[in-house]
Amino acid sequence: MFWKRRTPIAPLEYSRRTSMRLWVGLVLFFLYAPLITLIAFSFNDSRRNIVWRGFTLDYYERALNNASLMEALLNSLTIAALATAVSVVLGALAAVMLWRFRFPFKSGAEGAMALPIVVPEICLGVAFLVFFARIGFPANLPWPLNLGQIIIAHITFCFPFVAMVVRSRLTSFNREEEEAAKDLGASEWQTFRDILLPHMKPGLIAGALLAFTLSLDDFVITFFTSGPNTITFPVKVYSMVRFSVTPEVNAASAMVIAITVILTTIALKLQSRMGQITQRH
């Protein structure tokens, strides 16, 4: 009995199968259907989200005129921006240190840096609460210094993600480029600025985007480290949805989604443009 030999399927050819396309479509629907529903019902002219009454922009106006909600959103954006800026610097330095140098207890340092990634957020939140209470972190500071506890906590769990992304980018770097630059008379700083840093930029952008998203979205750690006058957007939304999910909450959430999509688009365009510039050189 002769058996017909099957032709092996290439990895990229799996996407041509109907079953695979159907599976991918279901996964995308599962991921994005809640977001689409939230955005759609933010225009609903009804206090009840389960009934569609008509199109309106009144709830966007209410959200923008809600002083406490806008203050919470401004706090979240400020925390995310500052935490991202510091996390990118610390993450880049940590990635270069772990990639380039050999030193005692290097594996221990790598493990300690990975702890904020693997430890549950509830444990980190309690640890930060105890730490700031023990050191007596000053309260009643002016804005934005009153956000200091949250910013420090967010930097702690954001910069390991940046270090992880940047270090994976550095694995593709050719060290001979550094040696060639030094042979041509470049200093250590010039070599880092003109050779290594351009290669790191796509990883830095991706890490910054990841850190910004994690900081903007965080609730658990922020809940434990925020004070009575330092409410953030996730905490504010949580306090609002405990009673009911109103179109006003949907409108505010839709605005945050729009901000995230815009920043992501800008970051991806910058990353692709830098990649094209690198290929030309």
C-alpha atoms as a PDB file:
ATOM      1  CA  MET A   1       0.000   0.000   0.000  1.00  0.00           C
ATOM      2  CA  PHE A   2       1.418   3.292  -1.076  1.00  0.00           C
ATOM      3  CA  TRP A   3       1.060   6.327   1.117  1.00  0.00           C
ATOM      4  CA  LYS A   4       1.014   9.784  -0.376  1.00  0.00           C
ATOM      5  CA  ARG A   5       3.852  11.841   1.037  1.00  0.00           C
ATOM      6  CA  ARG A   6       2.703  15.095   2.592  1.00  0.00           C
ATOM      7  CA  THR A   7       4.410  18.278   1.570  1.00  0.00           C
ATOM      8  CA  PRO A   8       5.622  20.143   4.667  1.00  0.00           C
ATOM      9  CA  ILE A   9       3.934  23.466   5.318  1.00  0.00           C
ATOM     10  CA  ALA A  10       6.112  26.523   5.594  1.00  0.00           C
ATOM     11  CA  PRO A  11       5.583  28.710   8.685  1.00  0.00           C
ATOM     12  CA  LEU A  12       4.164  31.615   6.689  1.00  0.00           C
ATOM     13  CA  GLU A  13       1.732  29.367   4.832  1.00  0.00           C
ATOM     14  CA  TYR A  14      -0.267  28.574   7.965  1.00  0.00           C
ATOM     15  CA  SER A  15      -1.957  31.966   7.641  1.00  0.00           C
ATOM     16  CA  ARG A  16      -3.527  30.824   4.365  1.00  0.00           C
ATOM     17  CA  ARG A  17      -5.551  28.142   6.103  1.00  0.00           C
ATOM     18  CA  THR A  18      -9.184  28.986   6.755  1.00  0.00           C
ATOM     19  CA  SER A  19      -9.087  27.460  10.231  1.00  0.00           C
ATOM     20  CA  MET A  20      -6.089  29.568  11.217  1.00  0.00           C
ATOM     21  CA  ARG A  21      -7.683  32.741   9.864  1.00  0.00           C
ATOM     22  CA  LEU A  22     -10.873  31.945  11.755  1.00  0.00           C
ATOM     23  CA  TRP A  23      -8.920  31.357  14.971  1.00  0.00           C
ATOM     24  CA  VAL A  24      -6.990  34.630  14.602  1.00  0.00           C
ATOM     25  CA  GLY A  25     -10.237  36.466  13.879  1.00  0.00           C
ATOM     26  CA  LEU A  26     -11.858  35.065  17.018  1.00  0.00           C
ATOM     27  CA  VAL A  27      -8.845  36.034  19.132  1.00  0.00           C
ATOM     28  CA  LEU A  28      -8.874  39.597  17.765  1.00  0.00           C
ATOM     29  CA  PHE A  29     -12.621  39.824  18.319  1.00  0.00           C
ATOM     30  CA  PHE A  30     -12.207  38.626  21.920  1.00  0.00           C
ATOM     31  CA  LEU A  31      -9.490  41.234  22.529  1.00  0.00           C
ATOM     32  CA  TYR A  32     -11.030  44.284  20.856  1.00  0.00           C
ATOM     33  CA  ALA A  33     -14.793  43.765  21.165  1.00  0.00           C
ATOM     34  CA  PRO A  34     -14.891  45.149  24.755  1.00  0.00           C
ATOM     35  CA  LEU A  35     -12.941  48.251  23.710  1.00  0.00           C
ATOM     36  CA  ILE A  36     -15.171  48.842  20.688  1.00  0.00           C
ATOM     37  CA  THR A  37     -18.257  48.410  22.864  1.00  0.00           C
ATOM     38  CA  LEU A  38     -16.907  50.855  25.436  1.00  0.00           C
ATOM     39  CA  ILE A  39     -16.164  53.499  22.790  1.00  0.00           C
ATOM     40  CA  ALA A  40     -19.535  52.993  21.092  1.00  0.00           C
ATOM     41  CA  PHE A  41     -21.530  53.350  24.321  1.00  0.00           C
ATOM     42  CA  SER A  42     -19.578  56.468  25.275  1.00  0.00           C
ATOM     43  CA  PHE A  43     -21.772  58.187  22.660  1.00  0.00           C
ATOM     44  CA  ASN A  44     -24.963  56.661  24.051  1.00  0.00           C
ATOM     45  CA  ASP A  45     -27.666  59.129  25.051  1.00  0.00           C
ATOM     46  CA  SER A  46     -28.700  57.095  28.078  1.00  0.00           C
ATOM     47  CA  ARG A  47     -27.550  56.632  31.636  1.00  0.00           C
ATOM     48  CA  ARG A  48     -27.916  52.870  31.229  1.00  0.00           C
ATOM     49  CA  ASN A  49     -25.246  51.252  29.079  1.00  0.00           C
ATOM     50  CA  ILE A  50     -27.368  48.248  28.190  1.00  0.00           C
ATOM     51  CA  VAL A  51     -29.889  50.327  26.202  1.00  0.00           C
ATOM     52  CA  TRP A  52     -28.997  52.405  23.141  1.00  0.00           C
ATOM     53  CA  ARG A  53     -31.029  55.630  23.055  1.00  0.00           C
ATOM     54  CA  GLY A  54     -29.201  57.637  20.430  1.00  0.00           C
ATOM     55  CA  PHE A  55     -26.002  59.491  19.594  1.00  0.00           C
ATOM     56  CA  THR A  56     -24.721  62.305  21.783  1.00  0.00           C
ATOM     57  CA  LEU A  57     -21.510  64.060  22.827  1.00  0.00           C
ATOM     58  CA  ASP A  58     -22.910  65.316  26.119  1.00  0.00           C
ATOM     59  CA  TYR A  59     -21.001  62.815  28.212  1.00  0.00           C
ATOM     60  CA  TYR A  60     -17.684  63.875  26.690  1.00  0.00           C
ATOM     61  CA  GLU A  61     -18.551  67.426  27.679  1.00  0.00           C
ATOM     62  CA  ARG A  62     -19.436  66.254  31.181  1.00  0.00           C
ATOM     63  CA  ALA A  63     -16.196  64.312  31.453  1.00  0.00           C
ATOM     64  CA  LEU A  64     -14.149  67.312  30.328  1.00  0.00           C
ATOM     65  CA  ASN A  65     -16.005  69.563  32.769  1.00  0.00           C
ATOM     66  CA  ASN A  66     -15.567  67.125  35.658  1.00  0.00           C
ATOM     67  CA  ALA A  67     -12.772  68.833  37.595  1.00  0.00           C
ATOM     68  CA  SER A  68     -11.870  65.835  39.780  1.00  0.00           C
ATOM     69  CA  LEU A  69     -11.796  63.466  36.800  1.00  0.00           C
ATOM     70  CA  MET A  70      -9.594  65.790  34.745  1.00  0.00           C
ATOM     71  CA  GLU A  71      -7.293  66.323  37.737  1.00  0.00           C
ATOM     72  CA  ALA A  72      -6.958  62.562  38.094  1.00  0.00           C
ATOM     73  CA  LEU A  73      -6.190  62.220  34.379  1.00  0.00           C
ATOM     74  CA  LEU A  74      -3.576  64.997  34.592  1.00  0.00           C
ATOM     75  CA  ASN A  75      -1.983  63.272  37.575  1.00  0.00           C
ATOM     76  CA  SER A  76      -1.835  59.959  35.712  1.00  0.00           C
ATOM     77  CA  LEU A  77      -0.297  61.534  32.606  1.00  0.00           C
ATOM     78  CA  THR A  78       2.257  63.426  34.715  1.00  0.00           C
ATOM     79  CA  ILE A  79       3.207  60.303  36.666  1.00  0.00           C
ATOM     80  CA  ALA A  80       3.464  58.240  33.486  1.00  0.00           C
ATOM     81  CA  ALA A  81       5.615  60.853  31.718  1.00  0.00           C
ATOM     82  CA  LEU A  82       8.054  61.324  34.613  1.00  0.00           C
ATOM     83  CA  ALA A  83       8.236  57.605  35.407  1.00  0.00           C
ATOM     84  CA  THR A  84       8.862  56.819  31.724  1.00  0.00           C
ATOM     85  CA  ALA A  85      11.642  59.394  31.391  1.00  0.00           C
ATOM     86  CA  VAL A  86      13.518  58.130  34.440  1.00  0.00           C
ATOM     87  CA  SER A  87      12.832  54.469  33.624  1.00  0.00           C
ATOM     88  CA  VAL A  88      14.280  54.835  30.130  1.00  0.00           C
ATOM     89  CA  VAL A  89      17.527  56.274  31.517  1.00  0.00           C
ATOM     90  CA  LEU A  90      17.857  53.698  34.305  1.00  0.00           C
ATOM     91  CA  GLY A  91      16.774  50.831  32.063  1.00  0.00           C
ATOM     92  CA  ALA A  92      19.235  51.773  29.332  1.00  0.00           C
ATOM     93  CA  LEU A  93      22.120  52.032  31.795  1.00  0.00           C
ATOM     94  CA  ALA A  94      21.187  48.734  33.424  1.00  0.00           C
ATOM     95  CA  ALA A  95      20.905  47.010  30.039  1.00  0.00           C
ATOM     96  CA  VAL A  96      24.315  48.254  28.919  1.00  0.00           C
ATOM     97  CA  MET A  97      25.863  47.258  32.249  1.00  0.00           C
ATOM     98  CA  LEU A  98      24.489  43.707  32.129  1.00  0.00           C
ATOM     99  CA  TRP A  99      25.290  43.331  28.410  1.00  0.00           C
ATOM    100  CA  ARG A 100      28.844  44.667  28.399  1.00  0.00           C
ATOM    101  CA  PHE A 101      30.465  44.016  31.775  1.00  0.00           C
ATOM    102  CA  ARG A 102      31.298  40.971  33.822  1.00  0.00           C
ATOM    103  CA  PHE A 103      31.327  41.413  37.587  1.00  0.00           C
ATOM    104  CA  PRO A 104      30.780  39.308  40.714  1.00  0.00           C
ATOM    105  CA  PHE A 105      27.206  38.298  41.492  1.00  0.00           C
ATOM    106  CA  LYS A 106      26.023  39.353  38.044  1.00  0.00           C
ATOM    107  CA  SER A 107      23.386  36.633  37.981  1.00  0.00           C
ATOM    108  CA  GLY A 108      22.144  37.838  41.369  1.00  0.00           C
ATOM    109  CA  ALA A 109      21.832  41.381  40.041  1.00  0.00           C
ATOM    110  CA  GLU A 110      19.865  40.111  37.055  1.00  0.00           C
ATOM    111  CA  GLY A 111      17.550  38.169  39.325  1.00  0.00           C
ATOM    112  CA  ALA A 112      17.029  41.133  41.640  1.00  0.00           C
ATOM    113  CA  MET A 113      16.194  43.332  38.648  1.00  0.00           C
ATOM    114  CA  ALA A 114      13.617  40.810  37.455  1.00  0.00           C
ATOM    115  CA  LEU A 115      11.827  40.708  40.819  1.00  0.00           C
ATOM    116  CA  PRO A 116       9.482  43.661  40.107  1.00  0.00           C
ATOM    117  CA  ILE A 117       8.377  41.840  36.957  1.00  0.00           C
ATOM    118  CA  VAL A 118       7.546  38.493  38.572  1.00  0.00           C
ATOM    119  CA  VAL A 119       6.390  39.572  42.049  1.00  0.00           C
ATOM    120  CA  PRO A 120       2.585  40.070  42.266  1.00  0.00           C
ATOM    121  CA  GLU A 121       1.519  43.700  42.275  1.00  0.00           C
ATOM    122  CA  ILE A 122      -0.369  43.331  45.539  1.00  0.00           C
ATOM    123  CA  CYS A 123       2.891  42.339  47.257  1.00  0.00           C
ATOM    124  CA  LEU A 124       4.738  45.291  45.734  1.00  0.00           C
ATOM    125  CA  GLY A 125       1.931  47.628  46.765  1.00  0.00           C
ATOM    126  CA  VAL A 126       2.048  46.500  50.390  1.00  0.00           C
ATOM    127  CA  ALA A 127       5.859  46.672  50.383  1.00  0.00           C
ATOM    128  CA  PHE A 128       5.819  50.258  49.085  1.00  0.00           C
ATOM    129  CA  LEU A 129       3.161  51.218  51.631  1.00  0.00           C
ATOM    130  CA  VAL A 130       5.275  49.876  54.499  1.00  0.00           C
ATOM    131  CA  PHE A 131       8.461  51.416  53.092  1.00  0.00           C
ATOM    132  CA  PHE A 132       7.079  54.942  52.676  1.00  0.00           C
ATOM    133  CA  ALA A 133       5.397  54.780  56.077  1.00  0.00           C
ATOM    134  CA  ARG A 134       8.663  53.634  57.686  1.00  0.00           C
ATOM    135  CA  ILE A 135      10.825  56.377  56.177  1.00  0.00           C
ATOM    136  CA  GLY A 136       8.196  59.015  56.878  1.00  0.00           C
ATOM    137  CA  PHE A 137       7.777  60.319  53.334  1.00  0.00           C
ATOM    138  CA  PRO A 138       6.578  63.963  53.589  1.00  0.00           C
ATOM    139  CA  ALA A 139       2.912  64.629  52.897  1.00  0.00           C
ATOM    140  CA  ASN A 140       0.984  67.763  51.872  1.00  0.00           C
ATOM    141  CA  LEU A 141       3.597  68.734  49.304  1.00  0.00           C
ATOM    142  CA  PRO A 142       2.716  71.027  46.373  1.00  0.00           C
ATOM    143  CA  TRP A 143       1.924  69.561  42.977  1.00  0.00           C
ATOM    144  CA  PRO A 144       3.692  67.653  41.384  1.00  0.00           C
ATOM    145  CA  LEU A 145       5.891  66.827  44.395  1.00  0.00           C
ATOM    146  CA  ASN A 146       2.880  65.250  46.088  1.00  0.00           C
ATOM    147  CA  LEU A 147       3.047  62.552  43.396  1.00  0.00           C
ATOM    148  CA  GLY A 148       6.549  61.545  44.482  1.00  0.00           C
ATOM    149  CA  GLN A 149       5.583  58.275  46.180  1.00  0.00           C
ATOM    150  CA  ILE A 150       3.652  57.058  43.148  1.00  0.00           C
ATOM    151  CA  ILE A 151       6.399  58.126  40.734  1.00  0.00           C
ATOM    152  CA  ILE A 152       9.099  56.312  42.722  1.00  0.00           C
ATOM    153  CA  ALA A 153       6.963  53.180  42.898  1.00  0.00           C
ATOM    154  CA  HIS A 154       6.210  53.292  39.173  1.00  0.00           C
ATOM    155  CA  ILE A 155       9.885  53.762  38.287  1.00  0.00           C
ATOM    156  CA  THR A 156      10.739  50.717  40.394  1.00  0.00           C
ATOM    157  CA  PHE A 157       8.518  48.343  38.435  1.00  0.00           C
ATOM    158  CA  CYS A 158       8.821  50.070  35.022  1.00  0.00           C
ATOM    159  CA  PHE A 159      12.563  50.308  34.455  1.00  0.00           C
ATOM    160  CA  PRO A 160      13.165  46.499  34.534  1.00  0.00           C
ATOM    161  CA  PHE A 161      10.845  46.200  31.526  1.00  0.00           C
ATOM    162  CA  VAL A 162      12.867  48.866  29.700  1.00  0.00           C
ATOM    163  CA  ALA A 163      16.120  47.095  30.596  1.00  0.00           C
ATOM    164  CA  MET A 164      14.759  43.799  29.298  1.00  0.00           C
ATOM    165  CA  VAL A 165      13.707  45.307  25.943  1.00  0.00           C
ATOM    166  CA  VAL A 166      16.930  47.283  25.450  1.00  0.00           C
ATOM    167  CA  ARG A 167      19.135  44.347  26.387  1.00  0.00           C
ATOM    168  CA  SER A 168      17.416  42.128  23.839  1.00  0.00           C
ATOM    169  CA  ARG A 169      18.105  44.825  21.260  1.00  0.00           C
ATOM    170  CA  LEU A 170      21.798  44.953  22.222  1.00  0.00           C
ATOM    171  CA  THR A 171      22.252  41.247  21.481  1.00  0.00           C
ATOM    172  CA  SER A 172      22.223  42.093  17.753  1.00  0.00           C
ATOM    173  CA  PHE A 173      24.924  44.760  18.079  1.00  0.00           C
ATOM    174  CA  ASN A 174      28.258  44.164  16.330  1.00  0.00           C
ATOM    175  CA  ARG A 175      31.036  45.031  18.769  1.00  0.00           C
ATOM    176  CA  GLU A 176      33.459  45.484  15.895  1.00  0.00           C
ATOM    177  CA  GLU A 177      31.748  48.798  15.127  1.00  0.00           C
ATOM    178  CA  GLU A 178      32.839  50.102  18.523  1.00  0.00           C
ATOM    179  CA  GLU A 179      36.388  48.900  17.963  1.00  0.00           C
ATOM    180  CA  ALA A 180      36.493  50.564  14.552  1.00  0.00           C
ATOM    181  CA  ALA A 181      35.254  53.850  16.008  1.00  0.00           C
ATOM    182  CA  LYS A 182      37.914  53.754  18.739  1.00  0.00           C
ATOM    183  CA  ASP A 183      40.607  52.960  16.177  1.00  0.00           C
ATOM    184  CA  LEU A 184      39.559  56.108  14.322  1.00  0.00           C
ATOM    185  CA  GLY A 185      40.087  58.195  17.461  1.00  0.00           C
ATOM    186  CA  ALA A 186      36.613  58.322  18.970  1.00  0.00           C
ATOM    187  CA  SER A 187      36.350  58.607  22.738  1.00  0.00           C
ATOM    188  CA  GLU A 188      34.174  56.398  24.923  1.00  0.00           C
ATOM    189  CA  TRP A 189      31.422  59.008  25.004  1.00  0.00           C
ATOM    190  CA  GLN A 190      31.573  59.583  21.241  1.00  0.00           C
ATOM    191  CA  THR A 191      31.431  55.843  20.609  1.00  0.00           C
ATOM    192  CA  PHE A 192      28.414  55.483  22.875  1.00  0.00           C
ATOM    193  CA  ARG A 193      26.631  58.522  21.400  1.00  0.00           C
ATOM    194  CA  ASP A 194      27.311  57.892  17.705  1.00  0.00           C
ATOM    195  CA  ILE A 195      27.547  54.093  17.506  1.00  0.00           C
ATOM    196  CA  LEU A 196      25.777  52.339  20.376  1.00  0.00           C
ATOM    197  CA  LEU A 197      22.954  54.777  21.119  1.00  0.00           C
ATOM    198  CA  PRO A 198      21.529  54.823  17.543  1.00  0.00           C
ATOM    199  CA  HIS A 199      21.415  51.032  17.644  1.00  0.00           C
ATOM    200  CA  MET A 200      19.576  51.173  20.985  1.00  0.00           C
ATOM    201  CA  LYS A 201      16.969  53.733  19.894  1.00  0.00           C
ATOM    202  CA  PRO A 202      14.305  51.269  18.647  1.00  0.00           C
ATOM    203  CA  GLY A 203      14.574  49.405  21.945  1.00  0.00           C
ATOM    204  CA  LEU A 204      14.439  52.656  23.893  1.00  0.00           C
ATOM    205  CA  ILE A 205      11.281  53.732  22.082  1.00  0.00           C
ATOM    206  CA  ALA A 206       9.633  50.351  22.607  1.00  0.00           C
ATOM    207  CA  GLY A 207      10.665  50.329  26.274  1.00  0.00           C
ATOM    208  CA  ALA A 208       9.404  53.885  26.784  1.00  0.00           C
ATOM    209  CA  LEU A 209       6.068  53.004  25.236  1.00  0.00           C
ATOM    210  CA  LEU A 210       5.789  49.909  27.429  1.00  0.00           C
ATOM    211  CA  ALA A 211       6.724  51.844  30.582  1.00  0.00           C
ATOM    212  CA  PHE A 212       4.256  54.644  29.792  1.00  0.00           C
ATOM    213  CA  THR A 213       1.429  52.163  29.240  1.00  0.00           C
ATOM    214  CA  LEU A 214       2.217  50.202  32.423  1.00  0.00           C
ATOM    215  CA  SER A 215       2.388  53.375  34.504  1.00  0.00           C
ATOM    216  CA  LEU A 216      -0.768  54.905  33.042  1.00  0.00           C
ATOM    217  CA  ASP A 217      -2.727  51.674  33.522  1.00  0.00           C
ATOM    218  CA  ASP A 218      -1.518  50.708  37.000  1.00  0.00           C
ATOM    219  CA  PHE A 219      -4.092  50.547  39.764  1.00  0.00           C
ATOM    220  CA  VAL A 220      -2.926  48.189  42.530  1.00  0.00           C
ATOM    221  CA  ILE A 221       0.441  49.780  43.361  1.00  0.00           C
ATOM    222  CA  THR A 222      -0.983  53.281  42.890  1.00  0.00           C
ATOM    223  CA  PHE A 223      -3.833  52.477  45.260  1.00  0.00           C
ATOM    224  CA  PHE A 224      -1.367  51.619  48.036  1.00  0.00           C
ATOM    225  CA  THR A 225       1.034  54.540  47.441  1.00  0.00           C
ATOM    226  CA  SER A 226      -1.370  57.389  46.713  1.00  0.00           C
ATOM    227  CA  GLY A 227      -2.527  59.818  49.339  1.00  0.00           C
ATOM    228  CA  PRO A 228      -5.949  61.412  49.851  1.00  0.00           C
ATOM    229  CA  ASN A 229      -5.080  64.324  47.554  1.00  0.00           C
ATOM    230  CA  THR A 230      -3.201  62.385  44.872  1.00  0.00           C
ATOM    231  CA  ILE A 231      -5.898  60.392  43.129  1.00  0.00           C
ATOM    232  CA  THR A 232      -5.070  59.028  39.682  1.00  0.00           C
ATOM    233  CA  PHE A 233      -7.284  58.167  36.742  1.00  0.00           C
ATOM    234  CA  PRO A 234      -7.513  54.374  37.312  1.00  0.00           C
ATOM    235  CA  VAL A 235      -8.319  54.906  41.000  1.00  0.00           C
ATOM    236  CA  LYS A 236     -10.903  57.567  40.135  1.00  0.00           C
ATOM    237  CA  VAL A 237     -12.576  55.350  37.537  1.00  0.00           C
ATOM    238  CA  TYR A 238     -12.666  52.466  40.007  1.00  0.00           C
ATOM    239  CA  SER A 239     -14.387  54.651  42.587  1.00  0.00           C
ATOM    240  CA  MET A 240     -16.936  55.705  39.947  1.00  0.00           C
ATOM    241  CA  VAL A 241     -17.749  52.222  38.626  1.00  0.00           C
ATOM    242  CA  ARG A 242     -18.380  50.820  42.104  1.00  0.00           C
ATOM    243  CA  PHE A 243     -21.887  52.275  41.807  1.00  0.00           C
ATOM    244  CA  SER A 244     -22.535  52.025  38.036  1.00  0.00           C
ATOM    245  CA  VAL A 245     -20.733  52.232  34.706  1.00  0.00           C
ATOM    246  CA  THR A 246     -22.047  55.461  33.228  1.00  0.00           C
ATOM    247  CA  PRO A 247     -21.386  56.868  29.731  1.00  0.00           C
ATOM    248  CA  GLU A 248     -19.283  59.525  31.451  1.00  0.00           C
ATOM    249  CA  VAL A 249     -16.858  56.814  32.571  1.00  0.00           C
ATOM    250  CA  ASN A 250     -16.921  55.370  29.060  1.00  0.00           C
ATOM    251  CA  ALA A 251     -16.162  58.782  27.575  1.00  0.00           C
ATOM    252  CA  ALA A 252     -13.196  59.348  29.889  1.00  0.00           C
ATOM    253  CA  SER A 253     -11.883  55.846  29.165  1.00  0.00           C
ATOM    254  CA  ALA A 254     -12.304  56.409  25.423  1.00  0.00           C
ATOM    255  CA  MET A 255     -10.194  59.567  25.675  1.00  0.00           C
ATOM    256  CA  VAL A 256      -7.423  57.617  27.411  1.00  0.00           C
ATOM    257  CA  ILE A 257      -7.613  54.953  24.696  1.00  0.00           C
ATOM    258  CA  ALA A 258      -7.311  57.683  22.057  1.00  0.00           C
ATOM    259  CA  ILE A 259      -4.247  59.145  23.808  1.00  0.00           C
ATOM    260  CA  THR A 260      -2.633  55.695  23.997  1.00  0.00           C
ATOM    261  CA  VAL A 261      -3.327  54.957  20.314  1.00  0.00           C
ATOM    262  CA  ILE A 262      -1.910  58.320  19.233  1.00  0.00           C
ATOM    263  CA  LEU A 263       1.268  57.863  21.282  1.00  0.00           C
ATOM    264  CA  THR A 264       1.661  54.302  20.002  1.00  0.00           C
ATOM    265  CA  THR A 265       1.303  55.440  16.395  1.00  0.00           C
ATOM    266  CA  ILE A 266       3.883  58.185  16.885  1.00  0.00           C
ATOM    267  CA  ALA A 267       6.315  55.777  18.559  1.00  0.00           C
ATOM    268  CA  LEU A 268       5.943  53.170  15.795  1.00  0.00           C
ATOM    269  CA  LYS A 269       6.499  55.786  13.099  1.00  0.00           C
ATOM    270  CA  LEU A 270       9.610  57.061  14.862  1.00  0.00           C
ATOM    271  CA  GLN A 271      10.871  53.514  15.267  1.00  0.00           C
ATOM    272  CA  SER A 272      10.353  52.665  11.595  1.00  0.00           C
ATOM    273  CA  ARG A 273      11.957  55.930  10.501  1.00  0.00           C
ATOM    274  CA  MET A 274      14.993  55.279  12.678  1.00  0.00           C
ATOM    275  CA  GLY A 275      15.229  51.767  11.273  1.00  0.00           C
ATOM    276  CA  GLN A 276      15.250  53.135   7.736  1.00  0.00           C
ATOM    277  CA  ILE A 277      17.951  55.654   8.639  1.00  0.00           C
ATOM    278  CA  THR A 278      20.047  52.876  10.214  1.00  0.00           C
ATOM    279  CA  GLN A 279      19.730  50.712   7.093  1.00  0.00           C
ATOM    280  CA  ARG A 280      20.851  53.586   4.863  1.00  0.00           C
ATOM    281  CA  HIS A 281      23.969  54.094   6.939  1.00  0.00           C
END
